[in-house]
N, C-alpha and C. Protein backbone atom coordinates (compact mmCIF):
# COMPACT_ATOMS: atom_id res chain seq x y z
N MET A 1 110.65 63.67 -247.58
CA MET A 1 109.91 62.80 -246.67
C MET A 1 109.88 61.38 -247.24
N LYS A 2 110.27 60.42 -246.45
CA LYS A 2 110.41 59.06 -246.95
C LYS A 2 109.05 58.40 -247.20
N ASN A 3 108.13 58.54 -246.26
CA ASN A 3 106.77 58.06 -246.46
C ASN A 3 105.87 58.78 -245.49
N SER A 4 104.57 58.50 -245.52
CA SER A 4 103.63 59.26 -244.71
C SER A 4 103.80 59.06 -243.21
N ASN A 5 104.53 58.00 -242.81
CA ASN A 5 104.72 57.76 -241.39
C ASN A 5 106.10 58.18 -240.92
N THR A 6 106.92 58.66 -241.81
CA THR A 6 108.26 59.08 -241.45
C THR A 6 108.26 60.59 -241.25
N TYR A 7 108.71 60.98 -240.06
CA TYR A 7 108.58 62.37 -239.69
C TYR A 7 109.88 62.78 -239.02
N ASP A 8 110.96 62.87 -239.82
CA ASP A 8 112.27 63.00 -239.24
C ASP A 8 112.85 64.38 -239.43
N ILE A 9 114.10 64.54 -238.97
CA ILE A 9 114.76 65.84 -239.00
C ILE A 9 114.98 66.34 -240.43
N ALA A 10 115.15 65.43 -241.36
CA ALA A 10 115.32 65.84 -242.77
C ALA A 10 114.06 66.55 -243.27
N PHE A 11 112.89 66.04 -242.86
CA PHE A 11 111.64 66.69 -243.22
C PHE A 11 111.58 68.08 -242.62
N TRP A 12 111.95 68.19 -241.33
CA TRP A 12 111.90 69.49 -240.67
C TRP A 12 112.87 70.48 -241.29
N GLU A 13 114.02 69.99 -241.75
CA GLU A 13 114.97 70.88 -242.41
C GLU A 13 114.36 71.51 -243.66
N LYS A 14 113.62 70.71 -244.41
CA LYS A 14 112.94 71.23 -245.60
C LYS A 14 111.90 72.28 -245.21
N VAL A 15 111.18 72.01 -244.12
CA VAL A 15 110.18 72.96 -243.64
C VAL A 15 110.86 74.28 -243.26
N LEU A 16 111.95 74.20 -242.51
CA LEU A 16 112.62 75.39 -242.02
C LEU A 16 113.21 76.23 -243.15
N LYS A 17 113.57 75.59 -244.24
CA LYS A 17 114.14 76.32 -245.37
C LYS A 17 113.07 77.05 -246.18
N ASN A 18 111.81 76.68 -245.99
CA ASN A 18 110.73 77.27 -246.77
C ASN A 18 109.64 77.84 -245.87
N LEU A 19 110.06 78.50 -244.80
CA LEU A 19 109.10 79.00 -243.84
C LEU A 19 108.31 80.19 -244.37
N PRO A 20 107.00 80.24 -244.09
CA PRO A 20 106.23 81.44 -244.38
C PRO A 20 106.76 82.61 -243.56
N LEU A 21 106.47 83.82 -243.99
CA LEU A 21 106.99 85.02 -243.34
C LEU A 21 106.62 85.08 -241.86
N ALA A 22 105.37 84.68 -241.52
CA ALA A 22 104.93 84.76 -240.13
C ALA A 22 105.81 83.91 -239.21
N TYR A 23 106.24 82.74 -239.69
CA TYR A 23 107.13 81.89 -238.91
C TYR A 23 108.52 82.52 -238.78
N LYS A 24 109.00 83.10 -239.86
CA LYS A 24 110.32 83.75 -239.81
C LYS A 24 110.33 84.87 -238.79
N ILE A 25 109.25 85.66 -238.76
CA ILE A 25 109.15 86.74 -237.79
C ILE A 25 109.11 86.18 -236.37
N TRP A 26 108.32 85.12 -236.17
CA TRP A 26 108.24 84.46 -234.86
C TRP A 26 109.61 84.01 -234.38
N PHE A 27 110.33 83.30 -235.23
CA PHE A 27 111.62 82.76 -234.83
C PHE A 27 112.64 83.87 -234.57
N GLU A 28 112.54 84.97 -235.31
CA GLU A 28 113.44 86.09 -235.07
C GLU A 28 113.12 86.74 -233.72
N LYS A 29 111.84 86.83 -233.39
CA LYS A 29 111.45 87.40 -232.10
C LYS A 29 111.87 86.47 -230.94
N GLU A 30 111.78 85.16 -231.18
CA GLU A 30 112.30 84.20 -230.20
C GLU A 30 113.78 84.47 -229.92
N LYS A 31 114.55 84.61 -230.99
CA LYS A 31 115.99 84.85 -230.87
C LYS A 31 116.26 86.12 -230.08
N GLU A 32 115.53 87.18 -230.40
CA GLU A 32 115.71 88.45 -229.70
C GLU A 32 115.41 88.28 -228.21
N TYR A 33 114.35 87.55 -227.89
CA TYR A 33 113.98 87.36 -226.50
C TYR A 33 115.05 86.57 -225.74
N LEU A 34 115.53 85.51 -226.35
CA LEU A 34 116.58 84.71 -225.72
C LEU A 34 117.84 85.54 -225.52
N GLN A 35 118.20 86.32 -226.52
CA GLN A 35 119.40 87.15 -226.42
C GLN A 35 119.28 88.16 -225.28
N GLN A 36 118.06 88.61 -225.03
CA GLN A 36 117.83 89.61 -223.98
C GLN A 36 117.73 88.98 -222.59
N ASN A 37 117.41 87.69 -222.51
CA ASN A 37 117.11 87.09 -221.21
C ASN A 37 118.13 86.07 -220.71
N ILE A 38 118.80 85.37 -221.61
CA ILE A 38 119.82 84.41 -221.17
C ILE A 38 121.04 85.17 -220.70
N THR A 39 121.55 84.81 -219.55
CA THR A 39 122.68 85.54 -218.96
C THR A 39 124.02 84.90 -219.33
N LYS A 40 125.05 85.70 -219.26
CA LYS A 40 126.40 85.29 -219.67
C LYS A 40 126.84 84.04 -218.92
N ASN A 41 127.29 83.05 -219.68
CA ASN A 41 127.84 81.80 -219.15
C ASN A 41 126.84 80.96 -218.35
N ALA A 42 125.55 81.24 -218.52
CA ALA A 42 124.52 80.46 -217.82
C ALA A 42 124.51 79.02 -218.30
N LYS A 43 124.07 78.14 -217.42
CA LYS A 43 123.92 76.73 -217.77
C LYS A 43 122.49 76.54 -218.29
N VAL A 44 122.36 76.19 -219.58
CA VAL A 44 121.05 76.18 -220.25
C VAL A 44 120.74 74.79 -220.80
N LEU A 45 119.49 74.37 -220.59
CA LEU A 45 118.97 73.13 -221.18
C LEU A 45 117.88 73.50 -222.17
N GLU A 46 117.94 72.93 -223.38
CA GLU A 46 116.81 73.06 -224.30
C GLU A 46 116.10 71.73 -224.44
N ILE A 47 114.78 71.75 -224.26
CA ILE A 47 113.93 70.58 -224.42
C ILE A 47 113.44 70.55 -225.87
N GLY A 48 113.75 69.48 -226.61
CA GLY A 48 113.35 69.39 -228.00
C GLY A 48 114.19 70.30 -228.87
N CYS A 49 115.49 70.06 -228.88
CA CYS A 49 116.42 71.00 -229.53
C CYS A 49 116.42 70.89 -231.05
N GLY A 50 115.83 69.82 -231.60
CA GLY A 50 115.83 69.68 -233.06
C GLY A 50 117.23 69.74 -233.62
N GLU A 51 117.40 70.52 -234.68
CA GLU A 51 118.71 70.62 -235.32
C GLU A 51 119.63 71.63 -234.65
N GLY A 52 119.16 72.27 -233.57
CA GLY A 52 120.01 73.17 -232.78
C GLY A 52 119.79 74.65 -233.07
N ARG A 53 118.67 74.98 -233.69
CA ARG A 53 118.41 76.39 -234.07
C ARG A 53 118.49 77.34 -232.87
N SER A 54 117.77 77.05 -231.81
CA SER A 54 117.73 77.97 -230.67
C SER A 54 119.02 77.97 -229.86
N LEU A 55 119.67 76.81 -229.77
CA LEU A 55 120.97 76.77 -229.10
C LEU A 55 121.97 77.65 -229.84
N ASN A 56 121.93 77.60 -231.15
CA ASN A 56 122.82 78.42 -231.95
C ASN A 56 122.53 79.92 -231.76
N ASP A 57 121.26 80.24 -231.45
CA ASP A 57 120.88 81.64 -231.22
C ASP A 57 121.55 82.25 -230.00
N ILE A 58 121.97 81.40 -229.04
CA ILE A 58 122.55 81.92 -227.79
C ILE A 58 123.99 81.47 -227.58
N ILE A 59 124.60 80.89 -228.60
CA ILE A 59 125.96 80.38 -228.45
C ILE A 59 126.97 81.50 -228.19
N ASN A 60 126.61 82.73 -228.59
CA ASN A 60 127.49 83.88 -228.35
C ASN A 60 127.40 84.37 -226.90
N ILE A 61 126.39 83.92 -226.16
CA ILE A 61 126.21 84.32 -224.77
C ILE A 61 126.81 83.28 -223.82
N THR A 62 126.55 82.02 -224.11
CA THR A 62 127.08 80.93 -223.30
C THR A 62 127.26 79.68 -224.14
N GLU A 63 128.34 78.97 -223.88
CA GLU A 63 128.53 77.67 -224.52
C GLU A 63 128.23 76.53 -223.56
N ASN A 64 127.74 76.89 -222.39
CA ASN A 64 127.40 75.89 -221.37
C ASN A 64 125.98 75.40 -221.65
N LEU A 65 125.82 74.72 -222.78
CA LEU A 65 124.51 74.37 -223.31
C LEU A 65 124.32 72.86 -223.40
N THR A 66 123.10 72.44 -223.08
CA THR A 66 122.71 71.04 -223.26
C THR A 66 121.39 71.02 -224.03
N GLY A 67 121.33 70.22 -225.07
CA GLY A 67 120.10 70.04 -225.81
C GLY A 67 119.67 68.59 -225.76
N ILE A 68 118.36 68.35 -225.61
CA ILE A 68 117.86 66.98 -225.69
C ILE A 68 116.80 66.89 -226.79
N ASP A 69 116.74 65.73 -227.41
CA ASP A 69 115.69 65.43 -228.37
C ASP A 69 115.52 63.91 -228.38
N HIS A 70 114.31 63.44 -228.69
CA HIS A 70 114.12 61.98 -228.71
C HIS A 70 114.25 61.40 -230.11
N ASP A 71 114.55 62.23 -231.09
CA ASP A 71 114.82 61.77 -232.45
C ASP A 71 116.33 61.63 -232.63
N PRO A 72 116.86 60.41 -232.80
CA PRO A 72 118.30 60.22 -232.94
C PRO A 72 118.91 61.01 -234.09
N GLU A 73 118.14 61.19 -235.17
CA GLU A 73 118.65 61.96 -236.31
C GLU A 73 118.78 63.43 -235.96
N ALA A 74 117.85 63.95 -235.15
CA ALA A 74 117.94 65.34 -234.69
C ALA A 74 119.19 65.52 -233.82
N VAL A 75 119.45 64.55 -232.97
CA VAL A 75 120.64 64.60 -232.11
C VAL A 75 121.91 64.67 -232.96
N LYS A 76 121.98 63.83 -233.98
CA LYS A 76 123.15 63.84 -234.86
C LYS A 76 123.30 65.17 -235.58
N LYS A 77 122.19 65.70 -236.05
CA LYS A 77 122.23 66.96 -236.80
C LYS A 77 122.63 68.12 -235.90
N ALA A 78 122.08 68.16 -234.69
CA ALA A 78 122.42 69.22 -233.75
C ALA A 78 123.90 69.14 -233.38
N GLU A 79 124.41 67.93 -233.18
CA GLU A 79 125.83 67.75 -232.88
C GLU A 79 126.69 68.30 -234.01
N ALA A 80 126.29 68.01 -235.24
CA ALA A 80 127.06 68.49 -236.40
C ALA A 80 126.98 70.02 -236.51
N ASN A 81 125.82 70.58 -236.28
CA ASN A 81 125.64 72.03 -236.41
C ASN A 81 126.36 72.82 -235.33
N LEU A 82 126.56 72.18 -234.17
CA LEU A 82 127.23 72.87 -233.07
C LEU A 82 128.62 72.33 -232.82
N ASN A 83 129.15 71.62 -233.77
CA ASN A 83 130.50 71.07 -233.69
C ASN A 83 131.51 72.20 -233.53
N GLY A 84 132.48 71.99 -232.65
CA GLY A 84 133.49 73.02 -232.43
C GLY A 84 133.25 73.80 -231.15
N HIS A 85 132.10 73.62 -230.55
CA HIS A 85 131.80 74.27 -229.27
C HIS A 85 131.87 73.20 -228.18
N SER A 86 132.98 73.17 -227.48
CA SER A 86 133.27 72.07 -226.56
C SER A 86 132.31 72.00 -225.37
N GLY A 87 131.67 73.13 -225.03
CA GLY A 87 130.78 73.13 -223.88
C GLY A 87 129.39 72.61 -224.16
N VAL A 88 129.09 72.39 -225.44
CA VAL A 88 127.75 71.99 -225.84
C VAL A 88 127.60 70.47 -225.79
N LYS A 89 126.50 70.02 -225.17
CA LYS A 89 126.20 68.59 -225.12
C LYS A 89 124.82 68.36 -225.72
N ILE A 90 124.71 67.38 -226.60
CA ILE A 90 123.43 67.01 -227.20
C ILE A 90 123.14 65.56 -226.84
N LEU A 91 121.98 65.31 -226.26
CA LEU A 91 121.65 63.97 -225.78
C LEU A 91 120.31 63.50 -226.31
N SER A 92 120.18 62.20 -226.43
CA SER A 92 118.90 61.59 -226.75
C SER A 92 118.17 61.33 -225.43
N ALA A 93 117.02 61.98 -225.24
CA ALA A 93 116.29 61.84 -223.98
C ALA A 93 114.86 62.30 -224.17
N GLU A 94 114.02 61.93 -223.21
CA GLU A 94 112.61 62.29 -223.22
C GLU A 94 112.35 63.47 -222.29
N ALA A 95 111.49 64.38 -222.70
CA ALA A 95 111.15 65.55 -221.88
C ALA A 95 110.50 65.15 -220.56
N THR A 96 109.85 63.99 -220.54
CA THR A 96 109.15 63.53 -219.34
C THR A 96 110.03 62.74 -218.38
N ASN A 97 111.30 62.56 -218.75
CA ASN A 97 112.23 61.80 -217.89
C ASN A 97 113.64 62.31 -218.14
N LEU A 98 113.93 63.50 -217.65
CA LEU A 98 115.21 64.15 -217.93
C LEU A 98 116.34 63.50 -217.14
N PRO A 99 117.46 63.18 -217.80
CA PRO A 99 118.57 62.50 -217.14
C PRO A 99 119.53 63.45 -216.43
N PHE A 100 118.97 64.34 -215.59
CA PHE A 100 119.78 65.32 -214.89
C PHE A 100 119.35 65.38 -213.43
N LYS A 101 120.27 65.78 -212.58
CA LYS A 101 119.93 65.89 -211.16
C LYS A 101 119.09 67.14 -210.91
N ASP A 102 118.50 67.21 -209.74
CA ASP A 102 117.68 68.35 -209.36
C ASP A 102 118.50 69.65 -209.35
N GLU A 103 117.84 70.76 -209.69
CA GLU A 103 118.42 72.10 -209.58
C GLU A 103 119.78 72.19 -210.30
N PHE A 104 119.78 71.77 -211.54
CA PHE A 104 121.04 71.66 -212.29
C PHE A 104 121.26 72.83 -213.27
N PHE A 105 120.17 73.42 -213.79
CA PHE A 105 120.29 74.43 -214.85
C PHE A 105 119.80 75.80 -214.39
N ASP A 106 120.43 76.84 -214.96
CA ASP A 106 119.99 78.22 -214.73
C ASP A 106 118.76 78.56 -215.57
N PHE A 107 118.72 78.00 -216.77
CA PHE A 107 117.59 78.21 -217.67
C PHE A 107 117.19 76.88 -218.31
N VAL A 108 115.89 76.66 -218.43
CA VAL A 108 115.37 75.57 -219.25
C VAL A 108 114.50 76.23 -220.31
N ILE A 109 114.80 75.98 -221.59
CA ILE A 109 114.03 76.59 -222.67
C ILE A 109 113.35 75.50 -223.49
N CYS A 110 112.20 75.84 -224.04
CA CYS A 110 111.44 74.90 -224.87
C CYS A 110 110.78 75.74 -225.96
N MET A 111 111.44 75.82 -227.09
CA MET A 111 111.04 76.74 -228.15
C MET A 111 110.25 76.01 -229.23
N THR A 112 108.97 76.23 -229.26
CA THR A 112 107.98 75.68 -230.20
C THR A 112 107.57 74.24 -229.88
N THR A 113 108.44 73.46 -229.27
CA THR A 113 108.19 72.03 -229.05
C THR A 113 107.04 71.77 -228.08
N PHE A 114 106.77 72.71 -227.18
CA PHE A 114 105.73 72.52 -226.18
C PHE A 114 104.38 72.21 -226.81
N ALA A 115 104.15 72.70 -228.01
CA ALA A 115 102.88 72.47 -228.72
C ALA A 115 102.65 71.00 -229.04
N ASN A 116 103.71 70.20 -229.02
CA ASN A 116 103.63 68.80 -229.45
C ASN A 116 103.48 67.80 -228.31
N PHE A 117 103.46 68.25 -227.08
CA PHE A 117 103.49 67.32 -225.95
C PHE A 117 102.15 66.67 -225.62
N GLY A 118 101.05 67.28 -226.04
CA GLY A 118 99.74 66.73 -225.70
C GLY A 118 99.57 66.57 -224.20
N ASP A 119 99.06 65.42 -223.74
CA ASP A 119 98.86 65.19 -222.31
C ASP A 119 100.16 65.08 -221.52
N LYS A 120 101.28 64.95 -222.23
CA LYS A 120 102.57 64.84 -221.55
C LYS A 120 103.08 66.19 -221.07
N LYS A 121 102.38 67.27 -221.43
CA LYS A 121 102.88 68.60 -221.13
C LYS A 121 103.07 68.84 -219.63
N TYR A 122 102.19 68.24 -218.81
CA TYR A 122 102.27 68.46 -217.36
C TYR A 122 103.49 67.76 -216.76
N LYS A 123 103.73 66.55 -217.18
CA LYS A 123 104.92 65.82 -216.72
C LYS A 123 106.20 66.51 -217.22
N ALA A 124 106.17 67.00 -218.45
CA ALA A 124 107.34 67.71 -218.99
C ALA A 124 107.62 68.96 -218.17
N LEU A 125 106.59 69.70 -217.82
CA LEU A 125 106.78 70.90 -217.00
C LEU A 125 107.30 70.55 -215.61
N ASP A 126 106.80 69.46 -215.04
CA ASP A 126 107.30 69.01 -213.74
C ASP A 126 108.79 68.70 -213.81
N GLU A 127 109.21 68.08 -214.90
CA GLU A 127 110.63 67.76 -215.07
C GLU A 127 111.47 69.01 -215.29
N MET A 128 110.96 69.96 -216.08
CA MET A 128 111.68 71.23 -216.27
C MET A 128 111.88 71.92 -214.91
N LYS A 129 110.81 71.92 -214.12
CA LYS A 129 110.86 72.55 -212.80
C LYS A 129 111.87 71.84 -211.90
N ARG A 130 111.89 70.52 -211.96
CA ARG A 130 112.80 69.74 -211.10
C ARG A 130 114.26 70.07 -211.36
N VAL A 131 114.64 70.16 -212.65
CA VAL A 131 116.06 70.35 -212.97
C VAL A 131 116.48 71.82 -212.96
N LEU A 132 115.53 72.73 -212.72
CA LEU A 132 115.82 74.16 -212.70
C LEU A 132 116.31 74.59 -211.32
N LYS A 133 117.33 75.43 -211.30
CA LYS A 133 117.80 76.01 -210.05
C LYS A 133 116.71 76.89 -209.44
N ASN A 134 116.78 77.08 -208.14
CA ASN A 134 115.72 77.82 -207.45
C ASN A 134 115.55 79.25 -207.95
N GLN A 135 116.60 79.86 -208.41
CA GLN A 135 116.52 81.23 -208.93
C GLN A 135 116.52 81.25 -210.46
N GLY A 136 116.32 80.09 -211.07
CA GLY A 136 116.37 80.00 -212.53
C GLY A 136 115.06 80.37 -213.20
N ASN A 137 115.07 80.28 -214.53
CA ASN A 137 113.89 80.59 -215.33
C ASN A 137 113.63 79.52 -216.39
N ILE A 138 112.37 79.27 -216.63
CA ILE A 138 111.92 78.46 -217.76
C ILE A 138 111.39 79.42 -218.82
N ILE A 139 111.79 79.21 -220.07
CA ILE A 139 111.30 80.03 -221.18
C ILE A 139 110.66 79.10 -222.20
N ILE A 140 109.39 79.36 -222.50
CA ILE A 140 108.62 78.52 -223.42
C ILE A 140 108.04 79.40 -224.52
N SER A 141 108.16 78.95 -225.75
CA SER A 141 107.54 79.63 -226.89
C SER A 141 106.54 78.68 -227.53
N VAL A 142 105.32 79.18 -227.78
CA VAL A 142 104.27 78.27 -228.24
C VAL A 142 103.24 79.03 -229.08
N PHE A 143 102.57 78.31 -229.98
CA PHE A 143 101.52 78.90 -230.81
C PHE A 143 100.45 79.59 -229.96
N SER A 144 100.02 80.77 -230.39
CA SER A 144 98.91 81.46 -229.75
C SER A 144 97.59 81.05 -230.40
N GLU A 145 96.48 81.55 -229.85
CA GLU A 145 95.16 81.25 -230.39
C GLU A 145 94.93 81.87 -231.76
N GLU A 146 95.86 82.72 -232.20
CA GLU A 146 95.73 83.36 -233.50
C GLU A 146 96.56 82.68 -234.58
N ALA A 147 97.15 81.53 -234.26
CA ALA A 147 98.11 80.91 -235.16
C ALA A 147 97.50 79.93 -236.17
N PHE A 148 96.24 79.56 -236.00
CA PHE A 148 95.69 78.44 -236.77
C PHE A 148 95.80 78.65 -238.28
N LYS A 149 95.48 79.83 -238.76
CA LYS A 149 95.53 80.09 -240.19
C LYS A 149 96.95 79.90 -240.74
N GLU A 150 97.93 80.41 -240.03
CA GLU A 150 99.32 80.26 -240.47
C GLU A 150 99.80 78.82 -240.35
N ARG A 151 99.35 78.12 -239.32
CA ARG A 151 99.70 76.71 -239.18
C ARG A 151 99.17 75.91 -240.37
N MET A 152 97.91 76.12 -240.71
CA MET A 152 97.31 75.39 -241.81
C MET A 152 97.98 75.72 -243.15
N LYS A 153 98.40 76.96 -243.29
CA LYS A 153 99.10 77.37 -244.50
C LYS A 153 100.41 76.58 -244.66
N LEU A 154 101.13 76.44 -243.55
CA LEU A 154 102.39 75.68 -243.60
C LEU A 154 102.13 74.20 -243.82
N TYR A 155 101.11 73.64 -243.15
CA TYR A 155 100.79 72.23 -243.32
C TYR A 155 100.45 71.91 -244.77
N LYS A 156 99.70 72.80 -245.38
CA LYS A 156 99.32 72.59 -246.79
C LYS A 156 100.53 72.70 -247.70
N LYS A 157 101.37 73.67 -247.43
CA LYS A 157 102.55 73.90 -248.26
C LYS A 157 103.52 72.73 -248.22
N THR A 158 103.61 72.07 -247.06
CA THR A 158 104.58 70.99 -246.88
C THR A 158 103.96 69.60 -246.95
N ASN A 159 102.69 69.52 -247.35
CA ASN A 159 102.00 68.22 -247.44
C ASN A 159 102.07 67.44 -246.13
N PHE A 160 101.78 68.13 -245.04
CA PHE A 160 101.79 67.52 -243.72
C PHE A 160 100.88 66.30 -243.69
N PRO A 161 101.32 65.19 -243.10
CA PRO A 161 100.50 63.97 -243.03
C PRO A 161 99.46 64.05 -241.92
N ILE A 162 98.47 64.91 -242.11
CA ILE A 162 97.45 65.13 -241.08
C ILE A 162 96.44 63.97 -241.07
N LYS A 163 96.18 63.45 -239.88
CA LYS A 163 95.18 62.39 -239.71
C LYS A 163 93.82 62.97 -239.34
N GLU A 164 93.85 64.01 -238.48
CA GLU A 164 92.60 64.54 -237.95
C GLU A 164 92.84 65.94 -237.38
N ILE A 165 91.81 66.77 -237.46
CA ILE A 165 91.84 68.08 -236.83
C ILE A 165 90.66 68.18 -235.88
N ILE A 166 90.93 68.41 -234.61
CA ILE A 166 89.89 68.55 -233.59
C ILE A 166 89.98 69.96 -233.04
N GLY A 167 89.05 70.80 -233.43
CA GLY A 167 89.15 72.21 -233.04
C GLY A 167 90.36 72.82 -233.71
N THR A 168 91.33 73.26 -232.90
CA THR A 168 92.59 73.76 -233.44
C THR A 168 93.76 72.83 -233.12
N THR A 169 93.44 71.62 -232.64
CA THR A 169 94.48 70.62 -232.40
C THR A 169 94.63 69.74 -233.63
N VAL A 170 95.84 69.69 -234.16
CA VAL A 170 96.12 68.89 -235.35
C VAL A 170 96.81 67.60 -234.93
N ILE A 171 96.27 66.48 -235.39
CA ILE A 171 96.85 65.17 -235.10
C ILE A 171 97.39 64.60 -236.40
N TYR A 172 98.65 64.17 -236.38
CA TYR A 172 99.28 63.73 -237.61
C TYR A 172 100.11 62.47 -237.37
N ASN A 173 100.56 61.86 -238.44
CA ASN A 173 101.39 60.66 -238.34
C ASN A 173 102.78 61.02 -237.85
N SER A 174 103.29 60.25 -236.93
CA SER A 174 104.64 60.46 -236.44
C SER A 174 105.21 59.17 -235.87
N LYS A 175 106.38 58.80 -236.32
CA LYS A 175 107.00 57.58 -235.79
C LYS A 175 107.53 57.79 -234.37
N TRP A 176 107.63 59.05 -233.93
CA TRP A 176 108.16 59.33 -232.60
C TRP A 176 107.08 59.48 -231.54
N GLY A 177 105.82 59.51 -231.93
CA GLY A 177 104.76 59.57 -230.94
C GLY A 177 104.27 60.97 -230.62
N ASP A 178 105.07 62.01 -230.90
CA ASP A 178 104.60 63.38 -230.68
C ASP A 178 103.76 63.79 -231.88
N ASN A 179 102.54 63.31 -231.91
CA ASN A 179 101.72 63.53 -233.10
C ASN A 179 100.58 64.51 -232.85
N PHE A 180 100.80 65.43 -231.89
CA PHE A 180 99.86 66.49 -231.63
C PHE A 180 100.51 67.83 -231.93
N SER A 181 99.71 68.78 -232.36
CA SER A 181 100.17 70.16 -232.46
C SER A 181 99.03 71.04 -231.95
N GLU A 182 99.28 71.71 -230.83
CA GLU A 182 98.26 72.51 -230.19
C GLU A 182 98.61 73.99 -230.22
N GLN A 183 97.60 74.83 -230.02
CA GLN A 183 97.82 76.24 -229.78
C GLN A 183 97.06 76.62 -228.52
N PHE A 184 97.44 77.75 -227.91
CA PHE A 184 96.92 78.08 -226.59
C PHE A 184 96.56 79.56 -226.49
N SER A 185 95.52 79.84 -225.73
CA SER A 185 95.22 81.22 -225.34
C SER A 185 96.06 81.54 -224.11
N GLN A 186 96.16 82.82 -223.78
CA GLN A 186 96.90 83.19 -222.58
C GLN A 186 96.25 82.59 -221.34
N LYS A 187 94.92 82.57 -221.30
CA LYS A 187 94.21 82.00 -220.15
C LYS A 187 94.52 80.52 -220.00
N GLU A 188 94.57 79.79 -221.12
CA GLU A 188 94.89 78.35 -221.07
C GLU A 188 96.30 78.13 -220.56
N LEU A 189 97.23 78.95 -221.01
CA LEU A 189 98.61 78.84 -220.52
C LEU A 189 98.69 79.13 -219.03
N GLU A 190 97.99 80.14 -218.59
CA GLU A 190 97.98 80.47 -217.17
C GLU A 190 97.45 79.31 -216.34
N GLU A 191 96.42 78.64 -216.83
CA GLU A 191 95.85 77.50 -216.11
C GLU A 191 96.82 76.32 -216.07
N ILE A 192 97.52 76.08 -217.18
CA ILE A 192 98.50 74.99 -217.24
C ILE A 192 99.63 75.25 -216.25
N PHE A 193 100.15 76.47 -216.23
CA PHE A 193 101.26 76.79 -215.34
C PHE A 193 100.83 76.77 -213.87
N LYS A 194 99.60 77.20 -213.62
CA LYS A 194 99.07 77.16 -212.26
C LYS A 194 98.97 75.71 -211.77
N LYS A 195 98.54 74.82 -212.65
CA LYS A 195 98.38 73.41 -212.30
C LYS A 195 99.72 72.78 -211.93
N THR A 196 100.79 73.24 -212.56
CA THR A 196 102.13 72.70 -212.27
C THR A 196 102.88 73.56 -211.26
N LYS A 197 102.17 74.53 -210.66
CA LYS A 197 102.71 75.37 -209.58
C LYS A 197 103.96 76.14 -210.02
N LEU A 198 103.91 76.64 -211.24
CA LEU A 198 104.96 77.52 -211.74
C LEU A 198 104.48 78.97 -211.67
N LYS A 199 105.38 79.86 -211.30
CA LYS A 199 105.06 81.28 -211.20
C LYS A 199 105.33 81.97 -212.54
N ILE A 200 104.37 82.73 -213.00
CA ILE A 200 104.52 83.43 -214.27
C ILE A 200 105.25 84.76 -214.06
N VAL A 201 106.39 84.91 -214.71
CA VAL A 201 107.09 86.20 -214.71
C VAL A 201 106.47 87.10 -215.77
N GLU A 202 106.26 86.52 -216.96
CA GLU A 202 105.54 87.25 -218.01
C GLU A 202 105.07 86.27 -219.09
N ILE A 203 104.00 86.66 -219.74
CA ILE A 203 103.56 85.99 -220.96
C ILE A 203 103.47 87.09 -222.01
N LYS A 204 104.35 87.04 -222.97
CA LYS A 204 104.47 88.11 -223.97
C LYS A 204 103.94 87.64 -225.32
N LYS A 205 103.09 88.44 -225.93
CA LYS A 205 102.54 88.09 -227.24
C LYS A 205 103.55 88.43 -228.33
N LEU A 206 103.82 87.45 -229.16
CA LEU A 206 104.61 87.69 -230.36
C LEU A 206 103.60 87.83 -231.51
N ASN A 207 103.98 87.59 -232.72
CA ASN A 207 103.01 87.77 -233.81
C ASN A 207 101.99 86.65 -233.86
N MET A 208 102.42 85.39 -233.79
CA MET A 208 101.50 84.25 -233.85
C MET A 208 101.75 83.29 -232.68
N ALA A 209 102.38 83.83 -231.64
CA ALA A 209 102.80 82.96 -230.54
C ALA A 209 102.83 83.73 -229.23
N TYR A 210 103.01 82.97 -228.17
CA TYR A 210 103.32 83.56 -226.87
C TYR A 210 104.70 83.07 -226.46
N ILE A 211 105.44 83.92 -225.79
CA ILE A 211 106.67 83.49 -225.16
C ILE A 211 106.48 83.70 -223.67
N CYS A 212 106.75 82.67 -222.90
CA CYS A 212 106.44 82.65 -221.47
C CYS A 212 107.71 82.51 -220.67
N LYS A 213 107.83 83.32 -219.64
CA LYS A 213 108.96 83.24 -218.71
C LYS A 213 108.41 82.85 -217.35
N LEU A 214 108.94 81.77 -216.78
CA LEU A 214 108.39 81.18 -215.57
C LEU A 214 109.48 80.97 -214.51
N LYS A 215 109.05 80.93 -213.26
CA LYS A 215 109.94 80.60 -212.15
C LYS A 215 109.28 79.53 -211.28
N LYS A 216 110.08 78.95 -210.40
CA LYS A 216 109.54 77.99 -209.43
C LYS A 216 108.64 78.71 -208.44
């Protein structure tokens, strides 16, 4: 980490290499869920792709993949990690203003990043819904109400630059502006999805998270 206000992909790489067991289990369950739900050759968009972890989890199912992130270094890293797959596109873009036409993707996925949107979460969901085909699915993975202890364990281990903790919402320094980290109960998720007029296919409990499958 370069300084307390620098919160880049290099920092996240260090975090990912030293994940507590609970996070490793969560990410493995995410991978299993994606492998079971993404269909062959589907057109998939990932919101907040980071270094490309989740895109790499489904590269054996489809290479018709697009990842967006607003961190230019994350975009570069994801491009490098998925180099050699001609169907994969990585773009610098905002979740609240997706540069795609309506009804463009079969799946829109947002793995862990949804926790960081704060008040932007509603606009981000509206955009996911807009670019999703009518018969498509949105898949979101997010901290559950039982995650706080594990979150704090990781923050302490990695010297997270925390500014403030309000309830279970952690506010930290970030040069990119996504300086919130939230967790949600199933009821809270249901209310959020209802507000954005998304239909819940399922909300499945993982170990410290929920994975949500949604339709228009």
